Amino acid sequence: MDLRDVVGSSVEPLRFQAQEKGLAFNQLVENDLPAWIKGDSARLLQVVLNLVGNAVKSTNSGEVSVIVDTALERICTKISDIGIGIPTKAQASLFEPYVQASKTLP
């Protein structure tokens, strides 16, 4: 799969949503990444779309950033925002079956 294409196509619709909310939207795919990698592009697109979508949804001001780079011969995708965050108590269950930390946004 073309990593740049997968990341770009997954975040582009969300860039518009972020801009409508007045958020800065930063996307950086490092130049030293391989042009092609072996992997499940549909699954990667789904994961990035969900994470970035949640970041845009939970951020009322500031910015959302998507950074793809390499670290220790691995490809790292980092999605950050300055939204409401996840309470410390709820963080322990992040990798358990789905639960929603909060039913409402401020």
Protein backbone atom coordinates (compact mmCIF):
# COMPACT_ATOMS: atom_id res chain seq x y z
CA MET A 1 0.00 0.00 0.00
CA ASP A 2 1.03 3.59 -0.50
CA LEU A 3 1.16 4.88 3.08
CA ARG A 4 0.99 8.55 2.10
CA ASP A 5 -2.12 7.92 0.01
CA VAL A 6 -3.88 5.92 2.74
CA VAL A 7 -3.19 8.53 5.42
CA GLY A 8 -4.06 11.41 3.10
CA SER A 9 -7.35 9.91 1.97
CA SER A 10 -8.34 9.03 5.54
CA VAL A 11 -7.75 12.50 6.98
CA GLU A 12 -8.81 14.77 4.12
CA PRO A 13 -12.57 14.74 4.92
CA LEU A 14 -11.75 15.46 8.56
CA ARG A 15 -9.52 18.40 7.65
CA PHE A 16 -12.65 20.18 6.38
CA GLN A 17 -14.57 19.38 9.59
CA ALA A 18 -11.69 20.68 11.70
CA GLN A 19 -11.51 23.90 9.70
CA GLU A 20 -15.28 24.39 10.05
CA LYS A 21 -14.78 24.25 13.85
CA GLY A 22 -11.95 26.78 13.62
CA LEU A 23 -9.29 24.21 14.47
CA ALA A 24 -5.80 24.13 13.03
CA PHE A 25 -5.21 20.82 11.25
CA ASN A 26 -1.64 19.63 10.82
CA GLN A 27 -0.64 16.61 8.75
CA LEU A 28 2.95 15.48 8.35
CA VAL A 29 4.14 12.32 6.64
CA GLU A 30 7.93 12.20 6.92
CA ASN A 31 9.92 11.97 3.68
CA ASP A 32 12.07 9.07 4.89
CA LEU A 33 9.14 6.63 4.97
CA PRO A 34 9.16 3.88 2.36
CA ALA A 35 6.95 4.62 -0.65
CA TRP A 36 5.22 1.24 -0.36
CA ILE A 37 4.64 -1.02 2.63
CA LYS A 38 2.92 -4.36 3.04
CA GLY A 39 -0.21 -4.12 5.15
CA ASP A 40 -3.99 -3.91 5.26
CA SER A 41 -4.78 -0.50 3.79
CA ALA A 42 -8.51 -0.77 4.54
CA ARG A 43 -7.83 -1.47 8.22
CA LEU A 44 -5.26 1.31 8.51
CA LEU A 45 -7.65 3.75 6.84
CA GLN A 46 -10.40 2.73 9.28
CA VAL A 47 -8.19 3.12 12.36
CA VAL A 48 -6.76 6.50 11.32
CA LEU A 49 -10.21 7.77 10.30
CA ASN A 50 -11.69 6.76 13.67
CA LEU A 51 -8.86 8.22 15.75
CA VAL A 52 -8.68 11.49 13.85
CA GLY A 53 -12.49 11.72 13.79
CA ASN A 54 -12.57 11.38 17.58
CA ALA A 55 -9.84 13.99 17.92
CA VAL A 56 -11.77 16.49 15.78
CA LYS A 57 -15.03 15.73 17.56
CA SER A 58 -13.58 16.17 21.06
CA THR A 59 -11.54 19.31 20.36
CA ASN A 60 -13.36 22.62 20.64
CA SER A 61 -10.38 24.91 20.10
CA GLY A 62 -6.73 24.61 19.18
CA GLU A 63 -5.40 21.97 16.84
CA VAL A 64 -5.42 18.37 15.70
CA SER A 65 -2.19 16.85 14.38
CA VAL A 66 -1.49 13.68 12.41
CA ILE A 67 2.18 12.71 12.15
CA VAL A 68 3.55 9.59 10.46
CA ASP A 69 7.25 8.91 10.90
CA THR A 70 9.74 6.18 11.68
CA ALA A 71 11.21 5.20 15.02
CA LEU A 72 13.46 2.21 15.61
CA GLU A 73 12.69 0.79 12.17
CA ARG A 74 8.93 0.94 12.76
CA ILE A 75 6.33 3.22 11.27
CA CYS A 76 4.61 5.35 13.90
CA THR A 77 1.33 7.18 13.45
CA LYS A 78 0.69 9.86 16.08
CA ILE A 79 -2.62 11.63 16.41
CA SER A 80 -2.83 14.41 18.96
CA ASP A 81 -5.36 17.00 19.98
CA ILE A 82 -6.04 19.30 22.88
CA GLY A 83 -9.59 18.06 23.43
CA ILE A 84 -11.27 16.96 26.64
CA GLY A 85 -9.06 13.90 27.04
CA ILE A 86 -9.79 10.61 28.75
CA PRO A 87 -10.15 10.60 32.55
CA THR A 88 -7.38 8.69 34.36
CA LYS A 89 -9.84 6.06 35.65
CA ALA A 90 -11.08 5.32 32.13
CA GLN A 91 -7.56 4.97 30.68
CA ALA A 92 -7.08 1.58 32.33
CA SER A 93 -9.88 0.10 30.20
CA LEU A 94 -8.75 1.50 26.83
CA PHE A 95 -7.78 -1.90 25.44
CA GLU A 96 -10.76 -3.76 26.86
CA PRO A 97 -13.98 -4.30 24.87
CA TYR A 98 -15.55 -0.98 23.82
CA VAL A 99 -16.80 1.39 26.48
CA GLN A 100 -17.46 5.08 26.07
CA ALA A 101 -15.62 7.26 28.59
CA SER A 102 -18.26 9.99 28.51
CA LYS A 103 -21.67 10.15 26.89
CA THR A 104 -21.55 13.91 26.46
CA LEU A 105 -19.04 16.47 25.32
CA PRO A 106 -18.75 19.77 27.17
